[in-house]
PDB file of N, CA and C in Angstrom:
ATOM      1  N   MET A   1       0.864  -1.190   0.000  1.00  0.00           N
ATOM      2  CA  MET A   1      -0.023  -0.008  -0.012  1.00  0.00           C
ATOM      3  C   MET A   1       0.899   1.235  -0.005  1.00  0.00           C
ATOM      4  N   PRO A   2       0.768   2.077  -1.034  1.00  0.00           N
ATOM      5  CA  PRO A   2       1.620   3.261  -1.083  1.00  0.00           C
ATOM      6  C   PRO A   2       1.224   4.290  -0.016  1.00  0.00           C
ATOM      7  N   ILE A   3       2.220   5.057   0.418  1.00  0.00           N
ATOM      8  CA  ILE A   3       1.986   6.074   1.463  1.00  0.00           C
ATOM      9  C   ILE A   3       1.743   7.393   0.719  1.00  0.00           C
ATOM     10  N   PRO A   4       0.595   8.073   0.925  1.00  0.00           N
ATOM     11  CA  PRO A   4       0.409   9.343   0.311  1.00  0.00           C
ATOM     12  C   PRO A   4       1.416  10.379   0.804  1.00  0.00           C
ATOM     13  N   ILE A   5       1.692  11.348  -0.043  1.00  0.00           N
ATOM     14  CA  ILE A   5       2.665  12.373   0.273  1.00  0.00           C
ATOM     15  C   ILE A   5       2.243  13.131   1.573  1.00  0.00           C
ATOM     16  N   ALA A   6       0.974  13.398   1.712  1.00  0.00           N
ATOM     17  CA  ALA A   6       0.487  14.121   2.882  1.00  0.00           C
ATOM     18  C   ALA A   6       0.779  13.354   4.185  1.00  0.00           C
ATOM     19  N   ALA A   7       0.877  12.030   4.111  1.00  0.00           N
ATOM     20  CA  ALA A   7       1.137  11.270   5.319  1.00  0.00           C
ATOM     21  C   ALA A   7       2.574  11.440   5.794  1.00  0.00           C
ATOM     22  N   VAL A   8       3.463  11.826   4.917  1.00  0.00           N
ATOM     23  CA  VAL A   8       4.846  12.047   5.303  1.00  0.00           C
ATOM     24  C   VAL A   8       5.072  13.421   5.877  1.00  0.00           C
ATOM     25  N   GLY A   9       4.088  14.295   5.778  1.00  0.00           N
ATOM     26  CA  GLY A   9       4.205  15.602   6.347  1.00  0.00           C
ATOM     27  C   GLY A   9       4.363  16.706   5.302  1.00  0.00           C
ATOM     28  N   LEU A  10       4.314  16.337   4.019  1.00  0.00           N
ATOM     29  CA  LEU A  10       4.414  17.324   2.972  1.00  0.00           C
ATOM     30  C   LEU A  10       3.011  17.752   2.582  1.00  0.00           C
ATOM     31  N   THR A  11       2.866  19.019   2.159  1.00  0.00           N
ATOM     32  CA  THR A  11       1.551  19.475   1.765  1.00  0.00           C
ATOM     33  C   THR A  11       1.473  19.561   0.256  1.00  0.00           C
ATOM     34  N   ALA A  12       0.267  19.343  -0.235  1.00  0.00           N
ATOM     35  CA  ALA A  12       0.028  19.402  -1.655  1.00  0.00           C
ATOM     36  C   ALA A  12       0.043  20.870  -2.096  1.00  0.00           C
ATOM     37  N   PRO A  13       0.419  21.122  -3.349  1.00  0.00           N
ATOM     38  CA  PRO A  13       0.448  22.509  -3.823  1.00  0.00           C
ATOM     39  C   PRO A  13      -0.963  23.132  -3.719  1.00  0.00           C
ATOM     40  N   GLY A  14      -0.968  24.367  -3.254  1.00  0.00           N
ATOM     41  CA  GLY A  14      -2.247  25.089  -3.142  1.00  0.00           C
ATOM     42  C   GLY A  14      -3.018  24.810  -1.842  1.00  0.00           C
ATOM     43  N   SER A  15      -2.463  24.020  -0.932  1.00  0.00           N
ATOM     44  CA  SER A  15      -3.156  23.791   0.295  1.00  0.00           C
ATOM     45  C   SER A  15      -2.243  24.152   1.463  1.00  0.00           C
ATOM     46  N   SER A  16      -2.833  24.625   2.543  1.00  0.00           N
ATOM     47  CA  SER A  16      -2.031  25.030   3.676  1.00  0.00           C
ATOM     48  C   SER A  16      -1.829  23.867   4.612  1.00  0.00           C
ATOM     49  N   ALA A  17      -0.830  23.982   5.475  1.00  0.00           N
ATOM     50  CA  ALA A  17      -0.531  22.927   6.433  1.00  0.00           C
ATOM     51  C   ALA A  17      -1.692  22.786   7.420  1.00  0.00           C
ATOM     52  N   ALA A  18      -2.373  23.884   7.748  1.00  0.00           N
ATOM     53  CA  ALA A  18      -3.491  23.802   8.669  1.00  0.00           C
ATOM     54  C   ALA A  18      -4.642  23.010   8.105  1.00  0.00           C
ATOM     55  N   SER A  19      -4.899  23.188   6.810  1.00  0.00           N
ATOM     56  CA  SER A  19      -6.027  22.454   6.222  1.00  0.00           C
ATOM     57  C   SER A  19      -5.688  20.970   6.122  1.00  0.00           C
ATOM     58  N   VAL A  20      -4.445  20.628   5.906  1.00  0.00           N
ATOM     59  CA  VAL A  20      -4.025  19.222   5.876  1.00  0.00           C
ATOM     60  C   VAL A  20      -4.138  18.648   7.283  1.00  0.00           C
ATOM     61  N   ALA A  21      -3.745  19.387   8.304  1.00  0.00           N
ATOM     62  CA  ALA A  21      -3.857  18.930   9.680  1.00  0.00           C
ATOM     63  C   ALA A  21      -5.277  18.727  10.120  1.00  0.00           C
ATOM     64  N   LYS A  22      -6.194  19.622   9.631  1.00  0.00           N
ATOM     65  CA  LYS A  22      -7.603  19.432   9.978  1.00  0.00           C
ATOM     66  C   LYS A  22      -8.140  18.153   9.330  1.00  0.00           C
ATOM     67  N   LYS A  23      -7.733  17.883   8.101  1.00  0.00           N
ATOM     68  CA  LYS A  23      -8.164  16.660   7.436  1.00  0.00           C
ATOM     69  C   LYS A  23      -7.639  15.437   8.161  1.00  0.00           C
ATOM     70  N   ALA A  24      -6.421  15.487   8.642  1.00  0.00           N
ATOM     71  CA  ALA A  24      -5.825  14.363   9.333  1.00  0.00           C
ATOM     72  C   ALA A  24      -6.428  14.169  10.730  1.00  0.00           C
ATOM     73  N   GLY A  25      -7.010  15.196  11.302  1.00  0.00           N
ATOM     74  CA  GLY A  25      -7.602  15.088  12.642  1.00  0.00           C
ATOM     75  C   GLY A  25      -6.688  15.677  13.715  1.00  0.00           C
ATOM     76  N   ALA A  26      -5.392  15.593  13.521  1.00  0.00           N
ATOM     77  CA  ALA A  26      -4.445  16.140  14.500  1.00  0.00           C
ATOM     78  C   ALA A  26      -3.097  16.339  13.840  1.00  0.00           C
ATOM     79  N   ILE A  27      -2.312  17.196  14.386  1.00  0.00           N
ATOM     80  CA  ILE A  27      -0.982  17.464  13.826  1.00  0.00           C
ATOM     81  C   ILE A  27      -0.048  16.374  14.359  1.00  0.00           C
ATOM     82  N   GLU A  28       0.646  15.723  13.441  1.00  0.00           N
ATOM     83  CA  GLU A  28       1.583  14.686  13.810  1.00  0.00           C
ATOM     84  C   GLU A  28       2.964  15.263  13.989  1.00  0.00           C
ATOM     85  N   GLY A  29       3.736  14.588  14.825  1.00  0.00           N
ATOM     86  CA  GLY A  29       5.102  14.976  14.976  1.00  0.00           C
ATOM     87  C   GLY A  29       5.977  14.342  13.889  1.00  0.00           C
ATOM     88  N   PHE A  30       7.154  14.879  13.742  1.00  0.00           N
ATOM     89  CA  PHE A  30       8.051  14.361  12.718  1.00  0.00           C
ATOM     90  C   PHE A  30       8.398  12.905  12.934  1.00  0.00           C
ATOM     91  N   SER A  31       8.607  12.522  14.196  1.00  0.00           N
ATOM     92  CA  SER A  31       8.939  11.129  14.511  1.00  0.00           C
ATOM     93  C   SER A  31       7.788  10.199  14.134  1.00  0.00           C
ATOM     94  N   ASP A  32       6.533  10.643  14.325  1.00  0.00           N
ATOM     95  CA  ASP A  32       5.388   9.844  13.936  1.00  0.00           C
ATOM     96  C   ASP A  32       5.335   9.631  12.410  1.00  0.00           C
ATOM     97  N   ALA A  33       5.590  10.693  11.684  1.00  0.00           N
ATOM     98  CA  ALA A  33       5.600  10.613  10.212  1.00  0.00           C
ATOM     99  C   ALA A  33       6.706   9.675   9.744  1.00  0.00           C
ATOM    100  N   LEU A  34       7.862   9.763  10.365  1.00  0.00           N
ATOM    101  CA  LEU A  34       8.949   8.885   9.998  1.00  0.00           C
ATOM    102  C   LEU A  34       8.637   7.445  10.318  1.00  0.00           C
ATOM    103  N   GLY A  35       8.004   7.258  11.463  1.00  0.00           N
ATOM    104  CA  GLY A  35       7.620   5.877  11.854  1.00  0.00           C
ATOM    105  C   GLY A  35       6.626   5.297  10.866  1.00  0.00           C
ATOM    106  N   LYS A  36       5.649   6.115  10.413  1.00  0.00           N
ATOM    107  CA  LYS A  36       4.714   5.632   9.406  1.00  0.00           C
ATOM    108  C   LYS A  36       5.409   5.306   8.086  1.00  0.00           C
ATOM    109  N   LEU A  37       6.374   6.138   7.727  1.00  0.00           N
ATOM    110  CA  LEU A  37       7.095   5.872   6.498  1.00  0.00           C
ATOM    111  C   LEU A  37       7.847   4.527   6.580  1.00  0.00           C
ATOM    112  N   ILE A  38       8.477   4.280   7.705  1.00  0.00           N
ATOM    113  CA  ILE A  38       9.206   3.015   7.868  1.00  0.00           C
ATOM    114  C   ILE A  38       8.260   1.828   7.907  1.00  0.00           C
ATOM    115  N   GLU A  39       7.109   2.010   8.537  1.00  0.00           N
ATOM    116  CA  GLU A  39       6.091   0.951   8.530  1.00  0.00           C
ATOM    117  C   GLU A  39       5.632   0.670   7.119  1.00  0.00           C
ATOM    118  N   GLY A  40       5.491   1.738   6.331  1.00  0.00           N
ATOM    119  CA  GLY A  40       5.080   1.570   4.904  1.00  0.00           C
ATOM    120  C   GLY A  40       6.120   0.798   4.116  1.00  0.00           C
ATOM    121  N   VAL A  41       7.400   1.077   4.400  1.00  0.00           N
ATOM    122  CA  VAL A  41       8.448   0.317   3.719  1.00  0.00           C
ATOM    123  C   VAL A  41       8.360  -1.179   4.089  1.00  0.00           C
ATOM    124  N   GLU A  42       8.123  -1.460   5.358  1.00  0.00           N
ATOM    125  CA  GLU A  42       8.018  -2.839   5.795  1.00  0.00           C
ATOM    126  C   GLU A  42       6.798  -3.503   5.154  1.00  0.00           C
ATOM    127  N   GLU A  43       5.700  -2.790   5.056  1.00  0.00           N
ATOM    128  CA  GLU A  43       4.475  -3.350   4.468  1.00  0.00           C
ATOM    129  C   GLU A  43       4.658  -3.644   2.971  1.00  0.00           C
ATOM    130  N   THR A  44       5.296  -2.711   2.267  1.00  0.00           N
ATOM    131  CA  THR A  44       5.483  -2.949   0.829  1.00  0.00           C
ATOM    132  C   THR A  44       6.508  -4.088   0.582  1.00  0.00           C
ATOM    133  N   THR A  45       7.511  -4.192   1.470  1.00  0.00           N
ATOM    134  CA  THR A  45       8.460  -5.281   1.328  1.00  0.00           C
ATOM    135  C   THR A  45       7.802  -6.617   1.590  1.00  0.00           C
ATOM    136  N   ALA A  46       6.960  -6.670   2.636  1.00  0.00           N
ATOM    137  CA  ALA A  46       6.207  -7.900   2.940  1.00  0.00           C
ATOM    138  C   ALA A  46       5.281  -8.259   1.782  1.00  0.00           C
ATOM    139  N   GLY A  47       4.623  -7.266   1.229  1.00  0.00           N
ATOM    140  CA  GLY A  47       3.744  -7.512   0.097  1.00  0.00           C
ATOM    141  C   GLY A  47       4.477  -8.045  -1.123  1.00  0.00           C
ATOM    142  N   ALA A  48       5.701  -7.492  -1.353  1.00  0.00           N
ATOM    143  CA  ALA A  48       6.508  -7.954  -2.470  1.00  0.00           C
ATOM    144  C   ALA A  48       6.952  -9.390  -2.241  1.00  0.00           C
ATOM    145  N   ASN A  49       7.355  -9.708  -0.999  1.00  0.00           N
ATOM    146  CA  ASN A  49       7.733 -11.062  -0.698  1.00  0.00           C
ATOM    147  C   ASN A  49       6.609 -12.066  -0.907  1.00  0.00           C
ATOM    148  N   THR A  50       5.405 -11.645  -0.505  1.00  0.00           N
ATOM    149  CA  THR A  50       4.237 -12.493  -0.660  1.00  0.00           C
ATOM    150  C   THR A  50       3.955 -12.717  -2.127  1.00  0.00           C
ATOM    151  N   ALA A  51       4.032 -11.637  -2.917  1.00  0.00           N
ATOM    152  CA  ALA A  51       3.761 -11.746  -4.338  1.00  0.00           C
ATOM    153  C   ALA A  51       4.782 -12.636  -5.051  1.00  0.00           C
ATOM    154  N   VAL A  52       6.054 -12.529  -4.674  1.00  0.00           N
ATOM    155  CA  VAL A  52       7.087 -13.356  -5.278  1.00  0.00           C
ATOM    156  C   VAL A  52       6.906 -14.820  -4.893  1.00  0.00           C
ATOM    157  N   SER A  53       6.586 -15.096  -3.647  1.00  0.00           N
ATOM    158  CA  SER A  53       6.382 -16.475  -3.225  1.00  0.00           C
ATOM    159  C   SER A  53       5.133 -17.041  -3.898  1.00  0.00           C
ATOM    160  N   GLY A  54       4.112 -16.223  -4.099  1.00  0.00           N
ATOM    161  CA  GLY A  54       2.931 -16.664  -4.844  1.00  0.00           C
ATOM    162  C   GLY A  54       3.271 -16.989  -6.290  1.00  0.00           C
ATOM    163  N   MET A  55       4.130 -16.216  -6.871  1.00  0.00           N
ATOM    164  CA  MET A  55       4.547 -16.421  -8.243  1.00  0.00           C
ATOM    165  C   MET A  55       5.341 -17.746  -8.331  1.00  0.00           C
ATOM    166  N   LEU A  56       6.228 -17.967  -7.350  1.00  0.00           N
ATOM    167  CA  LEU A  56       6.997 -19.189  -7.370  1.00  0.00           C
ATOM    168  C   LEU A  56       6.141 -20.444  -7.158  1.00  0.00           C
ATOM    169  N   ASN A  57       5.073 -20.299  -6.394  1.00  0.00           N
ATOM    170  CA  ASN A  57       4.162 -21.442  -6.140  1.00  0.00           C
ATOM    171  C   ASN A  57       3.144 -21.607  -7.226  1.00  0.00           C
ATOM    172  N   LYS A  58       3.246 -20.750  -8.295  1.00  0.00           N
ATOM    173  CA  LYS A  58       2.359 -20.743  -9.450  1.00  0.00           C
ATOM    174  C   LYS A  58       0.907 -20.405  -9.083  1.00  0.00           C
ATOM    175  N   THR A  59       0.710 -19.708  -7.982  1.00  0.00           N
ATOM    176  CA  THR A  59      -0.625 -19.225  -7.606  1.00  0.00           C
ATOM    177  C   THR A  59      -0.757 -17.728  -7.877  1.00  0.00           C
ATOM    178  N   GLY A  60       0.362 -17.056  -8.147  1.00  0.00           N
ATOM    179  CA  GLY A  60       0.309 -15.633  -8.405  1.00  0.00           C
ATOM    180  C   GLY A  60       0.741 -15.305  -9.819  1.00  0.00           C
ATOM    181  N   ASP A  61       0.623 -14.021 -10.162  1.00  0.00           N
ATOM    182  CA  ASP A  61       0.942 -13.551 -11.473  1.00  0.00           C
ATOM    183  C   ASP A  61       2.327 -12.906 -11.476  1.00  0.00           C
ATOM    184  N   VAL A  62       3.050 -13.100 -12.598  1.00  0.00           N
ATOM    185  CA  VAL A  62       4.393 -12.523 -12.675  1.00  0.00           C
ATOM    186  C   VAL A  62       4.295 -11.004 -12.701  1.00  0.00           C
ATOM    187  N   HIS A  63       3.315 -10.477 -13.368  1.00  0.00           N
ATOM    188  CA  HIS A  63       3.179  -9.003 -13.470  1.00  0.00           C
ATOM    189  C   HIS A  63       2.918  -8.394 -12.083  1.00  0.00           C
ATOM    190  N   GLU A  64       2.077  -9.035 -11.295  1.00  0.00           N
ATOM    191  CA  GLU A  64       1.754  -8.491  -9.981  1.00  0.00           C
ATOM    192  C   GLU A  64       3.036  -8.543  -9.087  1.00  0.00           C
ATOM    193  N   ALA A  65       3.816  -9.605  -9.248  1.00  0.00           N
ATOM    194  CA  ALA A  65       5.056  -9.701  -8.450  1.00  0.00           C
ATOM    195  C   ALA A  65       6.010  -8.602  -8.859  1.00  0.00           C
ATOM    196  N   MET A  66       6.165  -8.354 -10.140  1.00  0.00           N
ATOM    197  CA  MET A  66       7.103  -7.317 -10.579  1.00  0.00           C
ATOM    198  C   MET A  66       6.628  -5.911 -10.152  1.00  0.00           C
ATOM    199  N   ILE A  67       5.347  -5.689 -10.223  1.00  0.00           N
ATOM    200  CA  ILE A  67       4.811  -4.383  -9.762  1.00  0.00           C
ATOM    201  C   ILE A  67       5.054  -4.243  -8.257  1.00  0.00           C
ATOM    202  N   ALA A  68       4.827  -5.284  -7.478  1.00  0.00           N
ATOM    203  CA  ALA A  68       5.031  -5.211  -6.048  1.00  0.00           C
ATOM    204  C   ALA A  68       6.532  -4.984  -5.723  1.00  0.00           C
ATOM    205  N   LEU A  69       7.382  -5.643  -6.461  1.00  0.00           N
ATOM    206  CA  LEU A  69       8.845  -5.452  -6.249  1.00  0.00           C
ATOM    207  C   LEU A  69       9.271  -4.007  -6.603  1.00  0.00           C
ATOM    208  N   HIS A  70       8.723  -3.477  -7.680  1.00  0.00           N
ATOM    209  CA  HIS A  70       9.087  -2.135  -8.069  1.00  0.00           C
ATOM    210  C   HIS A  70       8.530  -1.126  -7.048  1.00  0.00           C
ATOM    211  N   GLU A  71       7.357  -1.353  -6.552  1.00  0.00           N
ATOM    212  CA  GLU A  71       6.787  -0.463  -5.533  1.00  0.00           C
ATOM    213  C   GLU A  71       7.620  -0.492  -4.266  1.00  0.00           C
ATOM    214  N   ALA A  72       8.052  -1.673  -3.867  1.00  0.00           N
ATOM    215  CA  ALA A  72       8.879  -1.806  -2.641  1.00  0.00           C
ATOM    216  C   ALA A  72      10.221  -1.105  -2.853  1.00  0.00           C
ATOM    217  N   GLU A  73      10.802  -1.264  -4.042  1.00  0.00           N
ATOM    218  CA  GLU A  73      12.089  -0.622  -4.337  1.00  0.00           C
ATOM    219  C   GLU A  73      11.935   0.907  -4.304  1.00  0.00           C
ATOM    220  N   THR A  74      10.896   1.427  -4.907  1.00  0.00           N
ATOM    221  CA  THR A  74      10.655   2.872  -4.926  1.00  0.00           C
ATOM    222  C   THR A  74      10.454   3.410  -3.531  1.00  0.00           C
ATOM    223  N   THR A  75       9.704   2.732  -2.722  1.00  0.00           N
ATOM    224  CA  THR A  75       9.462   3.153  -1.336  1.00  0.00           C
ATOM    225  C   THR A  75      10.756   3.179  -0.540  1.00  0.00           C
ATOM    226  N   LEU A  76      11.560   2.156  -0.734  1.00  0.00           N
ATOM    227  CA  LEU A  76      12.872   2.086  -0.006  1.00  0.00           C
ATOM    228  C   LEU A  76      13.772   3.206  -0.504  1.00  0.00           C
ATOM    229  N   GLN A  77      13.783   3.502  -1.804  1.00  0.00           N
ATOM    230  CA  GLN A  77      14.614   4.575  -2.309  1.00  0.00           C
ATOM    231  C   GLN A  77      14.170   5.932  -1.714  1.00  0.00           C
ATOM    232  N   LEU A  78      12.900   6.161  -1.598  1.00  0.00           N
ATOM    233  CA  LEU A  78      12.393   7.380  -1.000  1.00  0.00           C
ATOM    234  C   LEU A  78      12.862   7.490   0.440  1.00  0.00           C
ATOM    235  N   THR A  79      12.773   6.425   1.165  1.00  0.00           N
ATOM    236  CA  THR A  79      13.192   6.424   2.583  1.00  0.00           C
ATOM    237  C   THR A  79      14.691   6.673   2.715  1.00  0.00           C
ATOM    238  N   VAL A  80      15.518   6.120   1.836  1.00  0.00           N
ATOM    239  CA  VAL A  80      16.927   6.341   1.878  1.00  0.00           C
ATOM    240  C   VAL A  80      17.269   7.774   1.553  1.00  0.00           C
ATOM    241  N   GLN A  81      16.588   8.342   0.587  1.00  0.00           N
ATOM    242  CA  GLN A  81      16.822   9.766   0.227  1.00  0.00           C
ATOM    243  C   GLN A  81      16.451  10.715   1.366  1.00  0.00           C
ATOM    244  N   ILE A  82      15.355  10.408   2.070  1.00  0.00           N
ATOM    245  CA  ILE A  82      14.976  11.194   3.233  1.00  0.00           C
ATOM    246  C   ILE A  82      16.022  11.087   4.334  1.00  0.00           C
ATOM    247  N   ARG A  83      16.546   9.875   4.536  1.00  0.00           N
ATOM    248  CA  ARG A  83      17.626   9.694   5.542  1.00  0.00           C
ATOM    249  C   ARG A  83      18.834  10.481   5.143  1.00  0.00           C
ATOM    250  N   ASN A  84      19.198  10.440   3.850  1.00  0.00           N
ATOM    251  CA  ASN A  84      20.369  11.177   3.403  1.00  0.00           C
ATOM    252  C   ASN A  84      20.241  12.683   3.608  1.00  0.00           C
ATOM    253  N   LYS A  85      19.039  13.209   3.348  1.00  0.00           N
ATOM    254  CA  LYS A  85      18.802  14.635   3.563  1.00  0.00           C
ATOM    255  C   LYS A  85      18.853  14.990   5.035  1.00  0.00           C
ATOM    256  N   LEU A  86      18.349  14.102   5.896  1.00  0.00           N
ATOM    257  CA  LEU A  86      18.418  14.368   7.333  1.00  0.00           C
ATOM    258  C   LEU A  86      19.857  14.353   7.833  1.00  0.00           C
ATOM    259  N   VAL A  87      20.660  13.438   7.354  1.00  0.00           N
ATOM    260  CA  VAL A  87      22.082  13.385   7.762  1.00  0.00           C
ATOM    261  C   VAL A  87      22.811  14.602   7.265  1.00  0.00           C
ATOM    262  N   GLN A  88      22.538  15.009   6.022  1.00  0.00           N
ATOM    263  CA  GLN A  88      23.140  16.204   5.469  1.00  0.00           C
ATOM    264  C   GLN A  88      22.758  17.466   6.260  1.00  0.00           C
ATOM    265  N   ALA A  89      21.491  17.553   6.621  1.00  0.00           N
ATOM    266  CA  ALA A  89      21.051  18.726   7.437  1.00  0.00           C
ATOM    267  C   ALA A  89      21.719  18.747   8.805  1.00  0.00           C
ATOM    268  N   TYR A  90      21.831  17.569   9.401  1.00  0.00           N
ATOM    269  CA  TYR A  90      22.516  17.480  10.715  1.00  0.00           C
ATOM    270  C   TYR A  90      23.953  17.907  10.589  1.00  0.00           C
ATOM    271  N   GLN A  91      24.632  17.446   9.554  1.00  0.00           N
ATOM    272  CA  GLN A  91      26.049  17.812   9.360  1.00  0.00           C
ATOM    273  C   GLN A  91      26.189  19.327   9.088  1.00  0.00           C
ATOM    274  N   ASP A  92      25.232  19.914   8.354  1.00  0.00           N
ATOM    275  CA  ASP A  92      25.291  21.327   8.101  1.00  0.00           C
ATOM    276  C   ASP A  92      25.109  22.100   9.433  1.00  0.00           C
ATOM    277  N   VAL A  93      24.218  21.680  10.271  1.00  0.00           N
ATOM    278  CA  VAL A  93      24.007  22.321  11.555  1.00  0.00           C
ATOM    279  C   VAL A  93      25.245  22.218  12.417  1.00  0.00           C
ATOM    280  N   MET A  94      25.884  21.052  12.428  1.00  0.00           N
ATOM    281  CA  MET A  94      27.053  20.853  13.245  1.00  0.00           C
ATOM    282  C   MET A  94      28.233  21.688  12.763  1.00  0.00           C
ATOM    283  N   ARG A  95      28.277  22.045  11.483  1.00  0.00           N
ATOM    284  CA  ARG A  95      29.363  22.843  10.918  1.00  0.00           C
ATOM    285  C   ARG A  95      29.154  24.344  11.132  1.00  0.00           C
ATOM    286  N   MET A  96      27.987  24.750  11.606  1.00  0.00           N
ATOM    287  CA  MET A  96      27.722  26.166  11.797  1.00  0.00           C
ATOM    288  C   MET A  96      28.586  26.731  12.891  1.00  0.00           C
ATOM    289  N   PRO A  97      29.161  27.911  12.705  1.00  0.00           N
ATOM    290  CA  PRO A  97      29.938  28.523  13.766  1.00  0.00           C
ATOM    291  C   PRO A  97      29.024  29.068  14.892  1.00  0.00           C
ATOM    292  N   ILE A  98      29.495  29.023  16.098  1.00  0.00           N
ATOM    293  CA  ILE A  98      28.699  29.442  17.213  1.00  0.00           C
ATOM    294  C   ILE A  98      28.883  30.897  17.480  1.00  0.00           C
TER     295      ILE A  98
END
């Protein structure tokens, strides 16, 4: 199941953060959003594993397995890029003169 962009804490163009928060019911913290992102990665990986094992058991479709694998790979790449940006931001803050 793909994670919508709004669930990660980003707002859609033309909408304010307050309207997104009202739709969500409450404002989430950054750690909650990151936790949901990691859970999403785990879910897509588990779904891809299930699809591949179904394909190998000849109960699943090759196309569904490939789509699930590509979705899991894309979700993992997104998570790695977010981690890289966080590490880069931390390093930039640590290099700031006091």
